[in-house]
Amino acid sequence: MGSIKNDEYTSKFLELLRYVLDLNEEKATIQRFISEISIALKDIIKFDEPRYLEETIRKLKHCYEQSTCIVQTNPSWRGNVKCKGKWDKM
């Protein structure tokens, strides 16, 4: 997919899908949709074996949101370097 976002890819795919006549079967449509996403997301979605395109799109959005979630660490967890404990005074 390159630099295109998942939402953009999904809307463009659905827009172009109406012009394609040979993708009548849902399974073929799903396989075509999955073929252009990143390998990591593709493996997760294929493992679940979605039956409908809507289910596949929902799964892609869910997986993408999970993969982009950045865990923020609390600064107080890192400890304060300036404050030395009683064991550092010895």
C-alpha atoms as a PDB file:
ATOM      1  CA  MET A   1       0.000   0.000   0.000  1.00  0.00           C
ATOM      2  CA  GLY A   2       2.942   2.315   0.423  1.00  0.00           C
ATOM      3  CA  SER A   3       2.101   5.683   1.905  1.00  0.00           C
ATOM      4  CA  ILE A   4      -1.670   5.444   1.428  1.00  0.00           C
ATOM      5  CA  LYS A   5      -3.650   5.091   4.663  1.00  0.00           C
ATOM      6  CA  ASN A   6      -5.996   2.189   5.328  1.00  0.00           C
ATOM      7  CA  ASP A   7      -9.096   4.383   5.239  1.00  0.00           C
ATOM      8  CA  GLU A   8      -8.063   5.875   1.898  1.00  0.00           C
ATOM      9  CA  TYR A   9      -7.284   2.408   0.532  1.00  0.00           C
ATOM     10  CA  THR A  10     -10.644   1.046   1.690  1.00  0.00           C
ATOM     11  CA  SER A  11     -12.685   3.871   0.170  1.00  0.00           C
ATOM     12  CA  LYS A  12     -10.720   3.758  -3.106  1.00  0.00           C
ATOM     13  CA  PHE A  13     -11.128  -0.035  -3.281  1.00  0.00           C
ATOM     14  CA  LEU A  14     -14.889   0.192  -2.729  1.00  0.00           C
ATOM     15  CA  GLU A  15     -15.145   3.006  -5.279  1.00  0.00           C
ATOM     16  CA  LEU A  16     -13.336   0.993  -7.951  1.00  0.00           C
ATOM     17  CA  LEU A  17     -15.049  -2.286  -7.047  1.00  0.00           C
ATOM     18  CA  ARG A  18     -18.273  -1.285  -8.756  1.00  0.00           C
ATOM     19  CA  TYR A  19     -16.436  -1.109 -12.105  1.00  0.00           C
ATOM     20  CA  VAL A  20     -15.065  -4.651 -11.836  1.00  0.00           C
ATOM     21  CA  LEU A  21     -17.446  -7.270 -13.153  1.00  0.00           C
ATOM     22  CA  ASP A  22     -15.408 -10.435 -12.580  1.00  0.00           C
ATOM     23  CA  LEU A  23     -15.311 -10.132  -8.768  1.00  0.00           C
ATOM     24  CA  ASN A  24     -18.804 -11.488  -8.226  1.00  0.00           C
ATOM     25  CA  GLU A  25     -17.809 -13.918  -5.504  1.00  0.00           C
ATOM     26  CA  GLU A  26     -17.254 -12.530  -2.023  1.00  0.00           C
ATOM     27  CA  LYS A  27     -14.168 -14.686  -1.463  1.00  0.00           C
ATOM     28  CA  ALA A  28     -12.471 -13.347  -4.597  1.00  0.00           C
ATOM     29  CA  THR A  29     -13.290  -9.788  -3.541  1.00  0.00           C
ATOM     30  CA  ILE A  30     -11.809 -10.372  -0.082  1.00  0.00           C
ATOM     31  CA  GLN A  31      -8.650 -11.911  -1.532  1.00  0.00           C
ATOM     32  CA  ARG A  32      -8.209  -8.961  -3.882  1.00  0.00           C
ATOM     33  CA  PHE A  33      -8.720  -6.504  -1.010  1.00  0.00           C
ATOM     34  CA  ILE A  34      -6.221  -8.321   1.219  1.00  0.00           C
ATOM     35  CA  SER A  35      -3.623  -8.617  -1.536  1.00  0.00           C
ATOM     36  CA  GLU A  36      -2.591  -4.953  -1.309  1.00  0.00           C
ATOM     37  CA  ILE A  37      -2.255  -4.459   2.456  1.00  0.00           C
ATOM     38  CA  SER A  38       0.909  -4.877   4.531  1.00  0.00           C
ATOM     39  CA  ILE A  39       2.151  -8.404   5.160  1.00  0.00           C
ATOM     40  CA  ALA A  40       1.753  -8.219   8.940  1.00  0.00           C
ATOM     41  CA  LEU A  41      -1.885  -7.152   8.707  1.00  0.00           C
ATOM     42  CA  LYS A  42      -2.532  -9.542   5.831  1.00  0.00           C
ATOM     43  CA  ASP A  43      -1.444 -12.548   7.902  1.00  0.00           C
ATOM     44  CA  ILE A  44      -3.665 -11.571  10.833  1.00  0.00           C
ATOM     45  CA  ILE A  45      -6.713 -11.051   8.621  1.00  0.00           C
ATOM     46  CA  LYS A  46      -6.168 -14.250   6.631  1.00  0.00           C
ATOM     47  CA  PHE A  47      -5.863 -16.220   9.869  1.00  0.00           C
ATOM     48  CA  ASP A  48      -9.378 -15.150  10.900  1.00  0.00           C
ATOM     49  CA  GLU A  49     -10.805 -16.194   7.500  1.00  0.00           C
ATOM     50  CA  PRO A  50     -13.437 -13.466   7.145  1.00  0.00           C
ATOM     51  CA  ARG A  51     -16.487 -14.421   5.072  1.00  0.00           C
ATOM     52  CA  TYR A  52     -17.632 -10.954   4.061  1.00  0.00           C
ATOM     53  CA  LEU A  53     -15.874  -7.851   2.780  1.00  0.00           C
ATOM     54  CA  GLU A  54     -17.393  -5.719   5.544  1.00  0.00           C
ATOM     55  CA  GLU A  55     -15.959  -8.078   8.144  1.00  0.00           C
ATOM     56  CA  THR A  56     -12.556  -7.876   6.440  1.00  0.00           C
ATOM     57  CA  ILE A  57     -12.619  -4.065   6.433  1.00  0.00           C
ATOM     58  CA  ARG A  58     -13.608  -3.987  10.113  1.00  0.00           C
ATOM     59  CA  LYS A  59     -10.773  -6.376  10.955  1.00  0.00           C
ATOM     60  CA  LEU A  60      -8.285  -4.257   8.985  1.00  0.00           C
ATOM     61  CA  LYS A  61      -9.321  -1.108  10.867  1.00  0.00           C
ATOM     62  CA  HIS A  62      -9.078  -2.892  14.206  1.00  0.00           C
ATOM     63  CA  CYS A  63      -5.639  -4.370  13.457  1.00  0.00           C
ATOM     64  CA  TYR A  64      -4.346  -1.060  12.127  1.00  0.00           C
ATOM     65  CA  GLU A  65      -5.515   0.810  15.230  1.00  0.00           C
ATOM     66  CA  GLN A  66      -3.805  -1.751  17.454  1.00  0.00           C
ATOM     67  CA  SER A  67      -0.567  -1.596  15.483  1.00  0.00           C
ATOM     68  CA  THR A  68      -0.389   2.207  15.609  1.00  0.00           C
ATOM     69  CA  CYS A  69      -1.165   2.476  19.321  1.00  0.00           C
ATOM     70  CA  ILE A  70       1.904   3.910  21.035  1.00  0.00           C
ATOM     71  CA  VAL A  71       2.307   3.192  24.696  1.00  0.00           C
ATOM     72  CA  GLN A  72       3.253   6.306  26.640  1.00  0.00           C
ATOM     73  CA  THR A  73       5.496   5.718  29.608  1.00  0.00           C
ATOM     74  CA  ASN A  74       4.921   7.727  32.718  1.00  0.00           C
ATOM     75  CA  PRO A  75       7.985   9.892  33.526  1.00  0.00           C
ATOM     76  CA  SER A  76       7.712   8.981  37.207  1.00  0.00           C
ATOM     77  CA  TRP A  77       8.227   5.313  36.307  1.00  0.00           C
ATOM     78  CA  ARG A  78      11.677   6.049  34.915  1.00  0.00           C
ATOM     79  CA  GLY A  79      12.886   7.365  38.228  1.00  0.00           C
ATOM     80  CA  ASN A  80      14.461  10.690  38.959  1.00  0.00           C
ATOM     81  CA  VAL A  81      18.158  10.750  38.154  1.00  0.00           C
ATOM     82  CA  LYS A  82      18.761  13.925  40.148  1.00  0.00           C
ATOM     83  CA  CYS A  83      17.408  12.453  43.386  1.00  0.00           C
ATOM     84  CA  LYS A  84      19.657   9.841  44.851  1.00  0.00           C
ATOM     85  CA  GLY A  85      18.393   7.339  47.331  1.00  0.00           C
ATOM     86  CA  LYS A  86      19.876   6.610  50.725  1.00  0.00           C
ATOM     87  CA  TRP A  87      21.913   3.757  49.242  1.00  0.00           C
ATOM     88  CA  ASP A  88      23.697   6.085  46.798  1.00  0.00           C
ATOM     89  CA  LYS A  89      25.076   8.248  49.640  1.00  0.00           C
ATOM     90  CA  MET A  90      27.404   5.534  50.910  1.00  0.00           C
END
